[in-house]
N, C-alpha and C. Protein backbone atom coordinates (compact mmCIF):
# COMPACT_ATOMS: atom_id res chain seq x y z
N UNK A 1 21.04 98.15 7.72
CA UNK A 1 22.06 96.53 7.54
C UNK A 1 21.27 95.36 6.93
N UNK A 2 21.28 95.18 5.78
CA UNK A 2 20.93 93.78 5.03
C UNK A 2 20.93 92.53 6.11
N UNK A 3 20.00 92.29 5.94
CA UNK A 3 20.13 90.81 6.95
C UNK A 3 21.00 89.02 5.69
N UNK A 4 21.31 88.64 6.80
CA UNK A 4 22.32 87.64 6.29
C UNK A 4 21.26 86.87 5.20
N UNK A 5 21.64 86.31 4.51
CA UNK A 5 20.64 85.83 2.85
C UNK A 5 20.26 84.73 3.61
N UNK A 6 21.07 83.68 4.75
CA UNK A 6 20.29 82.26 4.92
C UNK A 6 18.91 82.61 6.44
N UNK A 7 19.07 84.06 7.06
CA UNK A 7 18.19 84.71 7.90
C UNK A 7 17.21 84.96 6.90
N UNK A 8 17.30 85.47 6.09
CA UNK A 8 16.08 85.74 5.08
C UNK A 8 15.19 84.87 4.48
N UNK A 9 16.37 83.90 3.77
CA UNK A 9 15.72 82.71 3.55
C UNK A 9 15.07 81.60 4.60
N UNK A 10 15.29 81.63 5.37
CA UNK A 10 14.67 80.57 6.56
C UNK A 10 13.57 81.85 7.81
N UNK A 11 13.37 82.72 7.03
CA UNK A 11 12.47 83.29 7.77
C UNK A 11 10.92 83.08 7.50
N UNK A 12 10.35 82.59 6.11
CA UNK A 12 9.19 81.82 5.89
C UNK A 12 9.55 80.58 6.29
N UNK A 13 8.87 80.23 7.53
CA UNK A 13 8.90 78.96 7.91
C UNK A 13 8.03 78.11 7.27
N UNK A 14 6.96 79.02 6.19
CA UNK A 14 5.78 78.04 6.07
C UNK A 14 5.86 77.24 4.16
N UNK A 15 7.61 77.33 4.11
CA UNK A 15 8.08 77.31 2.47
C UNK A 15 8.44 76.22 2.52
N UNK A 16 8.81 75.54 4.17
CA UNK A 16 9.63 74.21 4.49
C UNK A 16 8.44 73.26 4.63
N UNK A 17 9.09 71.87 4.98
CA UNK A 17 8.32 70.63 5.32
C UNK A 17 7.53 70.80 7.05
N UNK A 18 6.16 70.75 7.23
CA UNK A 18 5.68 70.98 8.55
C UNK A 18 6.08 69.84 9.43
N UNK A 19 6.85 70.37 10.84
CA UNK A 19 7.04 69.71 11.38
C UNK A 19 6.17 70.27 12.85
N UNK A 20 6.11 68.93 13.64
CA UNK A 20 5.56 68.87 14.98
C UNK A 20 6.16 68.32 16.05
N UNK A 21 5.43 68.29 17.07
CA UNK A 21 6.14 67.49 18.18
C UNK A 21 7.64 67.53 18.65
N UNK A 22 8.06 66.49 18.75
CA UNK A 22 9.22 66.50 18.89
C UNK A 22 10.39 66.57 17.82
N UNK A 23 9.76 66.84 16.29
CA UNK A 23 10.64 66.86 15.54
C UNK A 23 10.76 68.76 15.70
N UNK A 24 9.73 69.00 15.78
CA UNK A 24 9.63 70.70 15.72
C UNK A 24 11.64 70.82 16.99
N UNK A 25 10.21 70.34 18.15
CA UNK A 25 11.46 70.69 19.75
C UNK A 25 13.06 70.35 19.30
N UNK A 26 13.28 69.53 19.20
CA UNK A 26 15.05 69.06 18.48
C UNK A 26 15.48 70.22 17.39
N UNK A 27 14.66 70.34 16.64
CA UNK A 27 14.88 71.56 15.21
C UNK A 27 15.28 73.02 16.26
N UNK A 28 14.62 73.22 17.23
CA UNK A 28 14.58 74.79 17.76
C UNK A 28 15.43 74.07 18.33
N UNK A 29 15.81 73.61 19.32
CA UNK A 29 16.75 73.48 20.17
C UNK A 29 18.52 73.28 19.43
N UNK A 30 18.17 72.25 18.66
CA UNK A 30 19.25 72.92 17.58
C UNK A 30 19.91 73.82 17.38
N UNK A 31 19.18 74.91 16.75
CA UNK A 31 19.14 76.32 16.32
C UNK A 31 19.67 77.00 17.69
N UNK A 32 19.02 76.74 18.81
CA UNK A 32 19.42 77.37 19.81
C UNK A 32 21.17 77.68 20.28
N UNK A 33 21.35 75.99 20.16
CA UNK A 33 22.76 75.83 20.71
C UNK A 33 23.77 76.56 19.44
N UNK A 34 23.57 76.40 17.85
CA UNK A 34 23.92 77.04 17.03
C UNK A 34 24.18 78.61 17.03
N UNK A 35 23.23 78.90 17.56
CA UNK A 35 23.14 80.46 17.79
C UNK A 35 23.79 81.23 18.97
N UNK A 36 23.81 80.04 19.78
CA UNK A 36 25.02 80.24 20.97
C UNK A 36 26.47 80.69 20.64
N UNK A 37 26.78 79.32 19.82
CA UNK A 37 27.70 79.04 19.57
C UNK A 37 28.33 80.26 18.29
N UNK A 38 27.36 80.45 17.49
CA UNK A 38 27.79 81.75 16.70
C UNK A 38 28.05 83.46 17.17
N UNK A 39 26.70 83.67 18.04
CA UNK A 39 27.15 84.89 18.56
C UNK A 39 26.83 84.74 20.20
N UNK A 40 26.63 83.98 20.95
CA UNK A 40 26.89 83.87 22.04
C UNK A 40 25.45 84.75 22.91
N UNK A 41 25.40 84.28 24.20
CA UNK A 41 24.42 84.35 25.26
C UNK A 41 23.79 85.87 24.73
N UNK A 42 24.72 86.89 25.30
CA UNK A 42 24.13 88.56 25.31
C UNK A 42 23.17 88.60 23.98
N UNK A 43 23.76 88.16 22.67
CA UNK A 43 23.20 88.66 21.24
C UNK A 43 21.82 87.73 20.64
N UNK A 44 21.79 86.65 21.53
CA UNK A 44 20.71 85.72 21.14
C UNK A 44 19.54 85.94 21.27
N UNK A 45 18.59 85.91 20.16
CA UNK A 45 17.49 86.28 20.15
C UNK A 45 16.54 85.37 19.27
N UNK A 46 15.47 85.57 20.38
CA UNK A 46 14.11 84.37 19.56
C UNK A 46 13.99 84.45 18.32
N UNK A 47 13.91 85.60 17.42
CA UNK A 47 13.83 85.52 16.20
C UNK A 47 14.99 85.00 15.48
N UNK A 48 16.15 85.08 15.56
CA UNK A 48 16.83 84.48 15.12
C UNK A 48 16.85 83.00 15.44
N UNK A 49 16.49 82.63 16.46
CA UNK A 49 16.31 80.90 16.82
C UNK A 49 15.15 80.41 16.17
N UNK A 50 14.28 81.56 15.99
CA UNK A 50 12.87 80.69 15.19
C UNK A 50 13.16 80.75 13.34
N UNK A 51 14.04 81.66 13.11
CA UNK A 51 14.46 81.54 11.86
C UNK A 51 15.24 80.58 11.69
N UNK A 52 16.66 80.16 12.00
CA UNK A 52 17.57 79.26 12.18
C UNK A 52 16.70 78.23 11.98
N UNK A 53 15.66 78.15 12.87
CA UNK A 53 14.94 76.65 13.06
C UNK A 53 14.00 76.42 11.83
N UNK A 54 13.72 77.32 11.02
CA UNK A 54 12.62 77.30 10.36
C UNK A 54 11.24 77.03 10.93
N UNK A 55 10.81 77.80 11.36
CA UNK A 55 9.52 78.21 12.53
C UNK A 55 9.61 79.61 12.89
N UNK A 56 7.98 79.74 13.58
CA UNK A 56 7.80 81.17 14.22
C UNK A 56 7.77 81.10 15.67
N UNK A 57 8.07 82.50 16.14
CA UNK A 57 8.33 83.12 17.15
C UNK A 57 7.32 82.12 18.00
N UNK A 58 6.21 82.08 17.51
CA UNK A 58 5.12 81.52 18.35
C UNK A 58 5.44 80.10 18.72
N UNK A 59 5.94 79.14 17.87
CA UNK A 59 6.21 77.99 18.19
C UNK A 59 7.68 77.99 19.74
N UNK A 60 8.56 78.77 19.51
CA UNK A 60 9.09 79.05 20.53
C UNK A 60 8.47 79.82 21.99
N UNK A 61 7.69 80.85 21.57
CA UNK A 61 7.31 81.35 22.89
C UNK A 61 6.19 79.97 23.79
N UNK A 62 5.46 79.32 22.67
CA UNK A 62 4.41 78.74 23.46
C UNK A 62 5.26 77.40 24.15
N UNK A 63 6.55 77.18 24.15
CA UNK A 63 7.12 76.26 24.81
C UNK A 63 7.93 76.79 26.30
N UNK A 64 8.56 77.90 25.69
CA UNK A 64 9.46 78.56 26.69
C UNK A 64 9.22 79.49 26.63
N UNK A 65 8.65 80.70 27.67
CA UNK A 65 8.32 81.91 27.87
C UNK A 65 9.47 83.02 27.86
N UNK A 66 10.61 82.74 27.48
CA UNK A 66 11.81 83.82 27.63
C UNK A 66 13.02 82.84 27.28
N UNK A 67 14.50 83.71 26.77
CA UNK A 67 15.39 83.27 26.04
C UNK A 67 15.92 82.43 27.18
N UNK A 68 15.60 82.75 28.40
CA UNK A 68 16.91 82.09 29.19
C UNK A 68 16.37 80.30 29.98
N UNK A 69 14.92 80.21 29.49
CA UNK A 69 14.48 79.10 29.92
C UNK A 69 15.09 78.28 28.58
N UNK A 70 14.57 78.88 27.25
CA UNK A 70 14.93 78.12 26.24
C UNK A 70 16.50 77.80 25.85
N UNK A 71 17.24 78.46 26.51
CA UNK A 71 18.70 78.36 26.50
C UNK A 71 18.84 76.86 27.71
N UNK A 72 18.50 77.13 28.56
CA UNK A 72 18.26 75.79 29.63
C UNK A 72 17.97 74.78 29.08
N UNK A 73 16.95 74.30 28.24
CA UNK A 73 16.65 73.24 27.66
C UNK A 73 17.28 72.99 26.47
N UNK A 74 17.90 73.63 25.65
CA UNK A 74 18.65 73.41 24.86
C UNK A 74 20.00 72.91 25.38
N UNK A 75 20.74 73.50 26.42
CA UNK A 75 21.93 72.71 26.81
C UNK A 75 21.40 71.60 27.74
N UNK A 76 20.27 71.33 27.94
CA UNK A 76 19.81 69.85 28.49
C UNK A 76 20.03 69.12 27.90
N UNK A 77 19.25 69.60 26.51
CA UNK A 77 18.94 68.23 25.52
C UNK A 77 20.54 67.95 24.83
N UNK A 78 21.03 69.12 24.79
CA UNK A 78 22.85 68.70 23.70
C UNK A 78 23.58 68.16 25.00
N UNK A 79 23.50 68.02 26.36
CA UNK A 79 24.44 67.80 27.28
C UNK A 79 24.36 66.51 27.79
N UNK A 80 23.62 65.78 27.17
CA UNK A 80 23.33 63.77 27.79
C UNK A 80 22.95 64.42 28.60
N UNK A 81 22.46 62.81 29.83
CA UNK A 81 22.15 62.83 30.68
C UNK A 81 23.20 63.17 32.04
N UNK A 82 21.70 63.80 32.81
CA UNK A 82 22.72 64.68 34.40
C UNK A 82 23.50 63.66 34.74
N UNK A 83 24.47 64.07 35.35
CA UNK A 83 25.01 63.32 36.58
C UNK A 83 24.42 62.37 37.30
N UNK A 84 24.33 60.76 36.97
CA UNK A 84 23.35 59.98 37.83
C UNK A 84 23.50 60.41 39.63
N UNK A 85 24.59 60.46 40.21
CA UNK A 85 24.68 60.38 41.26
C UNK A 85 25.91 60.49 41.50
N UNK A 86 26.26 61.64 43.06
CA UNK A 86 27.61 61.81 43.42
C UNK A 86 28.20 60.29 43.57
N UNK A 87 29.19 60.69 43.66
CA UNK A 87 30.39 59.52 43.66
C UNK A 87 30.36 59.37 45.40
N UNK A 88 30.64 58.03 45.23
CA UNK A 88 30.82 57.35 46.73
C UNK A 88 32.20 56.98 47.02
N UNK A 89 32.95 57.51 47.14
CA UNK A 89 34.70 57.20 47.53
C UNK A 89 34.51 56.49 48.87
N UNK A 90 34.23 57.10 49.69
CA UNK A 90 34.18 56.81 51.24
C UNK A 90 34.51 57.95 52.16
N UNK A 91 34.59 58.77 50.78
CA UNK A 91 35.30 59.73 51.96
C UNK A 91 34.57 61.16 51.89
N UNK A 92 34.32 61.65 52.71
CA UNK A 92 33.70 62.99 52.91
C UNK A 92 34.45 64.40 51.34
N UNK A 93 35.42 64.38 51.79
CA UNK A 93 36.45 65.32 51.17
C UNK A 93 36.57 64.66 49.69
N UNK A 94 36.79 63.56 49.18
CA UNK A 94 36.80 63.14 47.79
C UNK A 94 35.17 63.42 47.61
N UNK A 95 34.37 62.81 47.93
CA UNK A 95 33.31 62.99 47.31
C UNK A 95 32.39 64.49 46.81
N UNK A 96 33.19 65.12 47.97
CA UNK A 96 32.50 66.79 47.47
C UNK A 96 33.59 67.30 46.27
N UNK A 97 34.84 66.88 46.58
CA UNK A 97 36.01 67.32 45.24
C UNK A 97 35.51 66.59 43.90
N UNK A 98 34.76 65.17 44.04
CA UNK A 98 34.55 64.89 42.67
C UNK A 98 33.21 65.94 42.00
N UNK A 99 32.24 66.16 42.62
CA UNK A 99 31.11 66.72 42.56
C UNK A 99 31.93 68.33 42.00
N UNK A 100 32.65 68.99 42.73
CA UNK A 100 33.14 70.29 42.50
C UNK A 100 33.94 70.35 40.83
N UNK A 101 34.57 68.73 40.62
CA UNK A 101 35.45 69.10 39.71
C UNK A 101 34.43 68.57 38.29
N UNK A 102 33.38 68.12 38.42
CA UNK A 102 32.81 67.74 37.88
C UNK A 102 31.65 69.47 37.13
N UNK A 103 31.22 69.87 38.16
CA UNK A 103 30.63 71.06 37.57
C UNK A 103 31.67 72.16 37.02
N UNK A 104 33.20 72.26 37.53
CA UNK A 104 34.16 72.35 37.14
C UNK A 104 34.36 72.58 35.33
N UNK A 105 34.01 71.07 35.24
CA UNK A 105 34.49 71.03 33.61
C UNK A 105 33.71 70.88 33.03
N UNK A 106 32.53 71.27 33.34
CA UNK A 106 31.11 71.66 32.57
C UNK A 106 31.10 73.18 32.31
N UNK A 107 32.08 73.77 32.95
CA UNK A 107 31.59 75.20 32.76
C UNK A 107 32.92 75.75 31.72
N UNK A 108 33.72 74.74 31.16
CA UNK A 108 34.67 74.89 30.07
C UNK A 108 33.45 75.30 29.19
N UNK A 109 34.04 76.22 27.99
CA UNK A 109 33.44 76.05 26.53
C UNK A 109 32.01 76.92 26.61
N UNK A 110 31.09 76.27 25.56
CA UNK A 110 29.76 77.08 25.29
C UNK A 110 28.77 77.07 26.30
N UNK A 111 28.94 76.14 27.47
CA UNK A 111 28.14 75.92 28.49
C UNK A 111 28.01 76.56 29.46
N UNK A 112 29.94 76.65 29.69
CA UNK A 112 30.07 77.67 30.79
C UNK A 112 30.06 79.59 30.40
N UNK A 113 30.59 80.00 28.92
CA UNK A 113 29.66 81.07 28.72
C UNK A 113 28.23 81.35 28.76
N UNK A 114 27.34 80.22 28.24
CA UNK A 114 25.99 80.45 28.65
C UNK A 114 25.22 80.57 29.78
N UNK A 115 26.09 79.74 30.83
CA UNK A 115 25.79 79.55 32.14
C UNK A 115 26.12 81.11 33.30
N UNK A 116 27.42 82.20 32.30
CA UNK A 116 27.37 83.19 32.71
C UNK A 116 26.33 84.09 32.45
N UNK A 117 26.05 84.09 30.81
CA UNK A 117 24.83 84.94 30.83
C UNK A 117 23.63 84.68 31.57
N UNK A 118 23.27 83.56 31.68
CA UNK A 118 22.09 83.43 32.18
C UNK A 118 21.90 83.81 34.11
N UNK A 119 23.37 83.55 34.79
CA UNK A 119 23.30 84.39 35.95
C UNK A 119 23.47 85.86 35.74
N UNK A 120 23.76 86.61 34.81
CA UNK A 120 23.79 87.48 34.71
C UNK A 120 22.13 88.42 34.58
N UNK A 121 21.36 87.88 33.49
CA UNK A 121 20.29 87.77 33.14
C UNK A 121 19.25 87.42 34.48
N UNK A 122 19.72 86.90 35.39
CA UNK A 122 18.97 86.29 36.40
C UNK A 122 18.93 87.73 37.46
N UNK A 123 19.68 88.26 37.53
CA UNK A 123 19.69 89.37 38.45
C UNK A 123 19.22 90.74 37.77
N UNK A 124 19.64 90.63 35.97
CA UNK A 124 18.76 92.21 35.50
C UNK A 124 17.60 92.14 35.43
N UNK A 125 16.61 90.82 35.10
CA UNK A 125 15.23 90.63 34.68
C UNK A 125 15.03 89.24 35.82
N UNK A 126 14.40 89.84 36.75
CA UNK A 126 14.37 88.49 37.45
C UNK A 126 12.82 88.42 37.31
N UNK A 127 12.18 88.98 36.48
CA UNK A 127 10.63 88.84 36.78
C UNK A 127 10.98 87.38 35.00
N UNK A 128 11.98 87.50 34.27
CA UNK A 128 11.88 86.88 33.21
C UNK A 128 12.78 85.47 33.83
N UNK A 129 13.18 85.46 35.09
CA UNK A 129 14.06 84.56 34.89
C UNK A 129 13.38 83.44 36.61
N UNK A 130 12.43 83.66 36.83
CA UNK A 130 12.03 83.23 38.47
C UNK A 130 11.89 82.07 38.67
N UNK A 131 11.57 81.45 37.25
CA UNK A 131 11.29 79.89 37.59
C UNK A 131 13.03 79.26 37.47
N UNK A 132 13.62 79.91 36.54
CA UNK A 132 14.72 79.44 36.19
C UNK A 132 15.72 79.65 37.69
N UNK A 133 15.88 80.38 38.25
CA UNK A 133 16.34 80.74 39.20
C UNK A 133 15.98 79.79 40.60
N UNK A 134 15.04 79.79 41.01
CA UNK A 134 14.10 78.60 41.97
C UNK A 134 14.60 77.14 41.43
N UNK A 135 14.97 76.71 40.11
CA UNK A 135 15.18 75.35 39.53
C UNK A 135 16.64 75.54 39.16
N UNK A 136 17.65 76.40 39.13
CA UNK A 136 19.11 76.46 38.61
C UNK A 136 19.97 75.37 39.25
N UNK A 137 19.61 75.56 40.26
CA UNK A 137 20.59 74.70 41.41
C UNK A 137 20.26 73.75 42.41
N UNK A 138 18.83 73.05 41.74
CA UNK A 138 17.90 72.24 42.61
C UNK A 138 19.02 70.81 42.00
N UNK A 139 19.09 70.17 41.03
CA UNK A 139 20.08 68.85 40.93
C UNK A 139 21.24 69.21 41.70
N UNK A 140 22.05 70.10 41.43
CA UNK A 140 23.00 69.95 42.24
C UNK A 140 23.61 70.13 43.65
N UNK A 141 22.25 70.78 44.23
CA UNK A 141 22.17 70.70 45.72
C UNK A 141 21.72 69.44 46.25
N UNK A 142 20.56 68.85 45.44
CA UNK A 142 20.15 67.79 46.04
C UNK A 142 21.43 66.38 46.02
N UNK A 143 22.45 66.52 44.92
CA UNK A 143 23.78 65.55 44.94
C UNK A 143 24.48 65.84 45.99
N UNK A 144 24.73 67.51 46.47
CA UNK A 144 25.50 67.36 47.83
C UNK A 144 25.17 67.40 48.79
N UNK A 145 23.34 67.40 49.10
CA UNK A 145 22.98 66.31 50.24
C UNK A 145 22.99 65.24 50.52
N UNK A 146 23.31 64.61 49.21
CA UNK A 146 23.44 63.16 49.62
C UNK A 146 24.76 62.60 49.56
N UNK A 147 25.64 63.59 49.60
CA UNK A 147 27.22 63.40 49.87
C UNK A 147 26.99 63.72 51.40
N UNK A 148 27.16 64.95 51.78
CA UNK A 148 26.74 65.09 53.81
C UNK A 148 26.20 64.06 54.15
N UNK A 149 24.74 63.82 53.58
CA UNK A 149 24.14 62.74 54.43
C UNK A 149 24.77 61.47 54.75
N UNK A 150 25.57 61.02 53.52
CA UNK A 150 26.19 59.76 53.53
C UNK A 150 27.73 60.06 54.05
N UNK A 151 27.95 60.94 54.36
CA UNK A 151 29.42 61.35 55.79
C UNK A 151 28.58 61.26 56.79
N UNK A 152 27.17 61.61 56.97
CA UNK A 152 26.59 61.90 58.52
C UNK A 152 26.13 60.67 58.94
N UNK A 153 26.16 59.42 57.93
CA UNK A 153 25.37 57.60 58.01
C UNK A 153 27.02 57.42 58.40
N UNK A 154 28.24 57.75 57.77
CA UNK A 154 29.58 57.08 57.80
C UNK A 154 30.45 57.78 59.54
N UNK A 155 29.30 58.80 60.25
CA UNK A 155 30.39 59.67 61.65
C UNK A 155 31.20 60.24 60.94
N UNK A 156 31.34 60.57 59.38
CA UNK A 156 32.13 62.32 59.16
C UNK A 156 31.96 63.05 59.72
N UNK A 157 30.72 63.36 59.77
CA UNK A 157 30.33 64.55 60.63
C UNK A 157 28.40 64.82 61.47
N UNK A 158 28.29 65.57 61.81
CA UNK A 158 27.45 65.23 62.92
C UNK A 158 25.91 65.85 61.91
N UNK A 159 24.88 65.25 62.18
CA UNK A 159 23.65 64.90 60.99
C UNK A 159 23.71 66.62 61.11
N UNK A 160 23.23 67.31 62.11
CA UNK A 160 22.67 68.82 62.09
C UNK A 160 23.61 69.58 61.62
N UNK A 161 24.69 69.30 61.08
CA UNK A 161 25.90 70.07 60.63
C UNK A 161 24.96 70.36 58.76
N UNK A 162 24.19 69.45 58.50
CA UNK A 162 23.94 69.67 57.28
C UNK A 162 22.75 70.96 57.13
N UNK A 163 23.15 71.70 56.81
CA UNK A 163 22.29 72.70 56.94
C UNK A 163 22.03 73.20 55.05
N UNK A 164 21.10 74.11 54.83
CA UNK A 164 20.44 74.79 53.41
C UNK A 164 21.89 75.36 53.01
N UNK A 165 22.40 76.39 54.03
CA UNK A 165 23.38 77.20 53.42
C UNK A 165 24.58 76.33 53.58
N UNK A 166 24.95 75.43 53.94
CA UNK A 166 25.94 74.51 53.89
C UNK A 166 26.06 73.65 52.75
N UNK A 167 25.11 73.26 52.50
CA UNK A 167 24.59 72.28 51.21
C UNK A 167 25.40 73.26 50.08
N UNK A 168 24.84 74.27 49.73
CA UNK A 168 24.92 74.88 48.48
C UNK A 168 26.10 75.90 48.71
N UNK A 169 26.78 75.90 50.31
CA UNK A 169 28.21 76.88 49.96
C UNK A 169 29.12 76.48 49.10
N UNK A 170 29.78 75.74 48.93
CA UNK A 170 31.27 74.82 48.41
C UNK A 170 30.88 75.32 46.93
N UNK A 171 29.51 74.46 46.20
CA UNK A 171 29.51 75.09 44.78
C UNK A 171 28.99 76.49 44.40
N UNK A 172 28.61 77.38 45.31
CA UNK A 172 28.43 78.77 45.16
C UNK A 172 29.66 79.48 45.06
N UNK A 173 30.86 79.38 46.01
CA UNK A 173 32.26 79.56 45.74
C UNK A 173 32.74 79.42 44.20
N UNK A 174 32.37 77.73 43.70
CA UNK A 174 32.54 77.89 42.70
C UNK A 174 32.21 78.62 41.09
N UNK A 175 30.91 78.79 41.54
CA UNK A 175 30.26 79.67 41.27
C UNK A 175 31.09 81.27 40.59
N UNK A 176 30.82 81.92 42.11
CA UNK A 176 32.09 83.07 42.30
C UNK A 176 32.99 83.15 41.29
N UNK A 177 33.78 82.45 41.71
CA UNK A 177 35.25 82.42 40.45
C UNK A 177 35.31 82.64 39.58
N UNK A 178 34.31 81.39 38.62
CA UNK A 178 33.53 81.55 37.57
C UNK A 178 33.49 82.50 37.13
N UNK A 179 32.45 83.31 37.59
CA UNK A 179 31.84 84.52 37.28
C UNK A 179 33.13 85.61 36.90
N UNK A 180 34.03 85.70 38.12
CA UNK A 180 34.70 86.58 38.61
C UNK A 180 36.87 86.24 37.33
N UNK A 181 36.57 85.21 37.34
CA UNK A 181 37.73 84.49 37.16
C UNK A 181 37.67 83.93 35.62
N UNK A 182 36.84 83.16 35.26
CA UNK A 182 36.58 82.71 33.86
C UNK A 182 36.80 81.39 34.04
N UNK A 183 36.89 80.75 32.91
CA UNK A 183 37.22 79.28 32.88
C UNK A 183 38.92 78.96 32.20
N UNK A 184 39.35 78.12 32.73
CA UNK A 184 39.33 76.95 33.32
C UNK A 184 39.28 77.25 35.10
N UNK A 185 38.78 76.52 35.70
CA UNK A 185 39.03 76.60 37.06
C UNK A 185 40.04 75.90 37.62
N UNK A 186 41.39 76.18 38.00
CA UNK A 186 42.63 75.43 38.55
C UNK A 186 42.07 74.59 39.20
N UNK A 187 42.57 73.34 39.63
CA UNK A 187 41.88 72.07 40.76
C UNK A 187 42.38 72.85 41.98
N UNK A 188 43.36 73.72 42.36
CA UNK A 188 43.83 74.25 43.58
C UNK A 188 42.52 74.91 44.39
N UNK A 189 42.09 75.80 43.05
CA UNK A 189 40.80 76.24 43.81
C UNK A 189 40.00 75.34 44.37
N UNK A 190 39.94 74.68 43.69
CA UNK A 190 38.61 73.68 44.52
C UNK A 190 39.09 73.10 45.60
N UNK A 191 40.37 72.65 45.41
CA UNK A 191 40.48 71.98 46.99
C UNK A 191 41.17 73.25 48.32
N UNK A 192 40.96 74.23 47.64
CA UNK A 192 41.07 75.59 49.06
C UNK A 192 39.63 75.76 49.16
N UNK A 193 38.70 75.43 48.45
CA UNK A 193 37.66 75.70 49.00
C UNK A 193 37.01 74.45 49.94
N UNK A 194 37.32 73.31 49.52
CA UNK A 194 36.92 71.91 50.26
C UNK A 194 38.00 72.13 51.49
N UNK A 195 39.10 72.29 51.60
CA UNK A 195 40.44 71.96 52.65
C UNK A 195 40.16 72.97 53.69
N UNK A 196 40.06 74.27 53.23
CA UNK A 196 40.23 75.36 54.15
C UNK A 196 39.13 75.61 54.30
N UNK A 197 37.61 75.90 53.38
CA UNK A 197 36.48 76.62 53.98
C UNK A 197 35.38 75.71 54.43
N UNK A 198 35.26 74.71 53.37
CA UNK A 198 33.94 73.70 53.14
C UNK A 198 34.37 73.25 55.19
N UNK A 199 35.28 71.86 54.73
CA UNK A 199 35.56 71.08 55.80
C UNK A 199 35.50 71.28 57.37
N UNK A 200 35.90 72.70 57.28
CA UNK A 200 36.09 73.28 58.63
C UNK A 200 35.06 74.04 59.10
N UNK A 201 33.97 73.54 58.20
CA UNK A 201 32.27 74.39 58.67
C UNK A 201 31.61 73.09 59.34
N UNK A 202 32.47 71.86 58.95
CA UNK A 202 31.49 70.56 59.47
C UNK A 202 32.35 69.52 60.20
N UNK A 203 33.57 70.09 60.29
CA UNK A 203 34.42 68.51 61.21
C UNK A 203 35.08 69.87 62.30
N UNK A 204 35.43 69.38 63.23
CA UNK A 204 35.79 69.94 64.38
C UNK A 204 36.95 70.45 63.93
N UNK A 205 37.83 70.04 63.63
CA UNK A 205 39.52 70.32 63.02
C UNK A 205 39.39 70.24 61.71
N UNK A 206 40.05 71.04 60.79
CA UNK A 206 40.23 71.32 59.15
C UNK A 206 41.53 70.23 59.01
N UNK A 207 41.61 69.28 57.73
CA UNK A 207 42.74 67.99 57.59
C UNK A 207 43.79 69.14 57.57
N UNK A 208 44.55 67.66 57.73
CA UNK A 208 46.11 67.98 57.75
C UNK A 208 46.24 68.03 56.52
N UNK A 209 47.14 68.98 55.47
CA UNK A 209 47.44 68.99 54.23
C UNK A 209 48.53 68.10 54.17
N UNK A 210 49.35 68.26 54.68
CA UNK A 210 50.66 67.18 54.66
C UNK A 210 50.59 65.66 54.62
N UNK A 211 49.05 65.58 55.07
CA UNK A 211 48.84 64.10 55.65
C UNK A 211 48.12 63.36 54.24
N UNK A 212 47.97 64.50 53.51
CA UNK A 212 47.03 63.77 52.21
C UNK A 212 48.36 63.04 51.42
N UNK A 213 47.88 62.58 50.71
CA UNK A 213 49.01 61.40 50.01
C UNK A 213 49.63 62.07 48.60
């Protein structure tokens, strides 16, 4: 099968203007997003990204050792600044829901499909995604810890209730629902995770749903 004309034309990066530094990096990340949109994560190849960006595979591999880390960099580049900090509503329940809703919304569309591919690859190619798996949830867990520490300071929960497993518990259930059912994630799923599963772990009694406004 013949290669697409635009791919063949782009293959010789030496014919275009020479780019370096941030200009080249941005071109590669733009090309990665374009490839994700066109073929999805499963079919994304470093060769195609390099051709679309009019550069060499070596330029990609010198910055990102594999496609998983390249895709994460591209998503961060195009996703704008991360959530600056967890919402402070004065309520543990509402703070957690705000964080989960932000995460669930981000799983819609291209980002979600890329995350699905990244999660699958982290299971099938652990040697290629070791660093990615170690850092994938660092920011989210940091925000969740801040929420729980604030709740402890307000007296809503005990400080010793803040354990690593509890910090990652609710977001992990959102991830599981996404992997099994896809997006969009209904808000009732998020409220059930918080009211029926997370809060009972953190507080002596579960909240009365009928008392909510």
